[in-house]
């Protein structure tokens, strides 16, 4: 599946991905983030990623790399 467009849908809190074949895939952000270990900082970063860079959010969710991304954000926190 070749992804060509992704958009955040605030009404459903999801990422709507339109593929090259004109299919629409909806990624529920609540389900994608279920089970992730986050801090307030990394949760805020995830929310920002979904809204500002939905294509990257979709890639992380589909590739199963979301926890690694969250861990990297948390390691950058300055106390």
C-alpha atoms as a PDB file:
ATOM      1  CA  UNK A   1       0.000   0.000   0.000  1.00  0.00           C
ATOM      2  CA  UNK A   2       1.485   3.333  -1.046  1.00  0.00           C
ATOM      3  CA  UNK A   3       0.403   6.183   1.198  1.00  0.00           C
ATOM      4  CA  UNK A   4      -0.109   9.525  -0.460  1.00  0.00           C
ATOM      5  CA  UNK A   5      -2.029  11.746   1.965  1.00  0.00           C
ATOM      6  CA  UNK A   6      -2.818  11.858   5.670  1.00  0.00           C
ATOM      7  CA  UNK A   7      -4.974  14.278   7.625  1.00  0.00           C
ATOM      8  CA  UNK A   8      -5.943  14.581  11.299  1.00  0.00           C
ATOM      9  CA  UNK A   9      -9.697  14.390  11.911  1.00  0.00           C
ATOM     10  CA  UNK A  10     -10.517  16.199  15.202  1.00  0.00           C
ATOM     11  CA  UNK A  11     -14.136  14.964  15.292  1.00  0.00           C
ATOM     12  CA  UNK A  12     -13.053  11.332  15.522  1.00  0.00           C
ATOM     13  CA  UNK A  13      -9.534  11.868  16.966  1.00  0.00           C
ATOM     14  CA  UNK A  14      -8.115   9.849  14.111  1.00  0.00           C
ATOM     15  CA  UNK A  15      -5.732  10.024  11.186  1.00  0.00           C
ATOM     16  CA  UNK A  16      -7.398   9.533   7.807  1.00  0.00           C
ATOM     17  CA  UNK A  17      -4.939   8.167   5.256  1.00  0.00           C
ATOM     18  CA  UNK A  18      -5.820   8.191   1.555  1.00  0.00           C
ATOM     19  CA  UNK A  19      -3.843   5.664  -0.469  1.00  0.00           C
ATOM     20  CA  UNK A  20      -2.702   5.716  -4.061  1.00  0.00           C
ATOM     21  CA  UNK A  21      -5.528   3.302  -4.906  1.00  0.00           C
ATOM     22  CA  UNK A  22      -8.034   5.824  -3.456  1.00  0.00           C
ATOM     23  CA  UNK A  23      -8.726   3.770  -0.326  1.00  0.00           C
ATOM     24  CA  UNK A  24      -9.158   5.525   3.000  1.00  0.00           C
ATOM     25  CA  UNK A  25      -7.603   4.035   6.110  1.00  0.00           C
ATOM     26  CA  UNK A  26      -8.642   5.487   9.478  1.00  0.00           C
ATOM     27  CA  UNK A  27      -6.235   5.151  12.397  1.00  0.00           C
ATOM     28  CA  UNK A  28      -7.957   5.728  15.735  1.00  0.00           C
ATOM     29  CA  UNK A  29      -5.450   7.705  17.837  1.00  0.00           C
ATOM     30  CA  UNK A  30      -6.913   6.392  21.106  1.00  0.00           C
ATOM     31  CA  UNK A  31      -6.407   2.792  20.002  1.00  0.00           C
ATOM     32  CA  UNK A  32      -2.984   3.498  18.471  1.00  0.00           C
ATOM     33  CA  UNK A  33      -1.811   5.013  21.769  1.00  0.00           C
ATOM     34  CA  UNK A  34      -3.451   2.390  23.987  1.00  0.00           C
ATOM     35  CA  UNK A  35      -0.787   0.674  26.084  1.00  0.00           C
ATOM     36  CA  UNK A  36       1.942   3.225  25.404  1.00  0.00           C
ATOM     37  CA  UNK A  37       3.979   4.352  28.383  1.00  0.00           C
ATOM     38  CA  UNK A  38       4.056   8.150  28.157  1.00  0.00           C
ATOM     39  CA  UNK A  39       4.829  11.175  30.266  1.00  0.00           C
ATOM     40  CA  UNK A  40       2.908  14.462  29.995  1.00  0.00           C
ATOM     41  CA  UNK A  41       5.679  15.753  27.708  1.00  0.00           C
ATOM     42  CA  UNK A  42       5.612  12.770  25.343  1.00  0.00           C
ATOM     43  CA  UNK A  43       1.786  12.686  25.314  1.00  0.00           C
ATOM     44  CA  UNK A  44       1.761  16.351  24.321  1.00  0.00           C
ATOM     45  CA  UNK A  45       4.331  15.597  21.621  1.00  0.00           C
ATOM     46  CA  UNK A  46       2.163  12.746  20.292  1.00  0.00           C
ATOM     47  CA  UNK A  47      -0.858  15.050  20.134  1.00  0.00           C
ATOM     48  CA  UNK A  48       1.172  17.676  18.298  1.00  0.00           C
ATOM     49  CA  UNK A  49       2.536  15.050  15.897  1.00  0.00           C
ATOM     50  CA  UNK A  50      -0.975  13.809  15.059  1.00  0.00           C
ATOM     51  CA  UNK A  51      -2.202  17.324  14.308  1.00  0.00           C
ATOM     52  CA  UNK A  52       0.867  18.831  12.616  1.00  0.00           C
ATOM     53  CA  UNK A  53       2.425  15.766  10.959  1.00  0.00           C
ATOM     54  CA  UNK A  54      -0.314  13.157  10.534  1.00  0.00           C
ATOM     55  CA  UNK A  55       1.621  11.288   7.846  1.00  0.00           C
ATOM     56  CA  UNK A  56       4.521  10.678  10.256  1.00  0.00           C
ATOM     57  CA  UNK A  57       2.082   9.684  13.026  1.00  0.00           C
ATOM     58  CA  UNK A  58       0.467   7.169  10.663  1.00  0.00           C
ATOM     59  CA  UNK A  59       3.870   5.781   9.677  1.00  0.00           C
ATOM     60  CA  UNK A  60       4.863   5.279  13.320  1.00  0.00           C
ATOM     61  CA  UNK A  61       1.533   3.612  14.139  1.00  0.00           C
ATOM     62  CA  UNK A  62       1.590   1.295  11.116  1.00  0.00           C
ATOM     63  CA  UNK A  63       5.248   0.346  11.578  1.00  0.00           C
ATOM     64  CA  UNK A  64       4.829  -0.315  15.309  1.00  0.00           C
ATOM     65  CA  UNK A  65       7.469   2.274  16.203  1.00  0.00           C
ATOM     66  CA  UNK A  66       5.353   4.592  18.328  1.00  0.00           C
ATOM     67  CA  UNK A  67       6.750   3.444  21.715  1.00  0.00           C
ATOM     68  CA  UNK A  68      10.325   3.881  20.478  1.00  0.00           C
ATOM     69  CA  UNK A  69       9.452   7.406  19.311  1.00  0.00           C
ATOM     70  CA  UNK A  70       7.849   8.206  22.690  1.00  0.00           C
ATOM     71  CA  UNK A  71      10.898   6.838  24.523  1.00  0.00           C
ATOM     72  CA  UNK A  72      13.170   9.044  22.409  1.00  0.00           C
ATOM     73  CA  UNK A  73      11.058  12.117  23.231  1.00  0.00           C
ATOM     74  CA  UNK A  74      11.155  11.265  26.934  1.00  0.00           C
ATOM     75  CA  UNK A  75      14.943  10.871  26.845  1.00  0.00           C
ATOM     76  CA  UNK A  76      15.223  14.450  25.550  1.00  0.00           C
ATOM     77  CA  UNK A  77      13.332  15.929  28.522  1.00  0.00           C
ATOM     78  CA  UNK A  78      15.381  18.426  30.499  1.00  0.00           C
ATOM     79  CA  UNK A  79      14.648  18.562  34.199  1.00  0.00           C
END
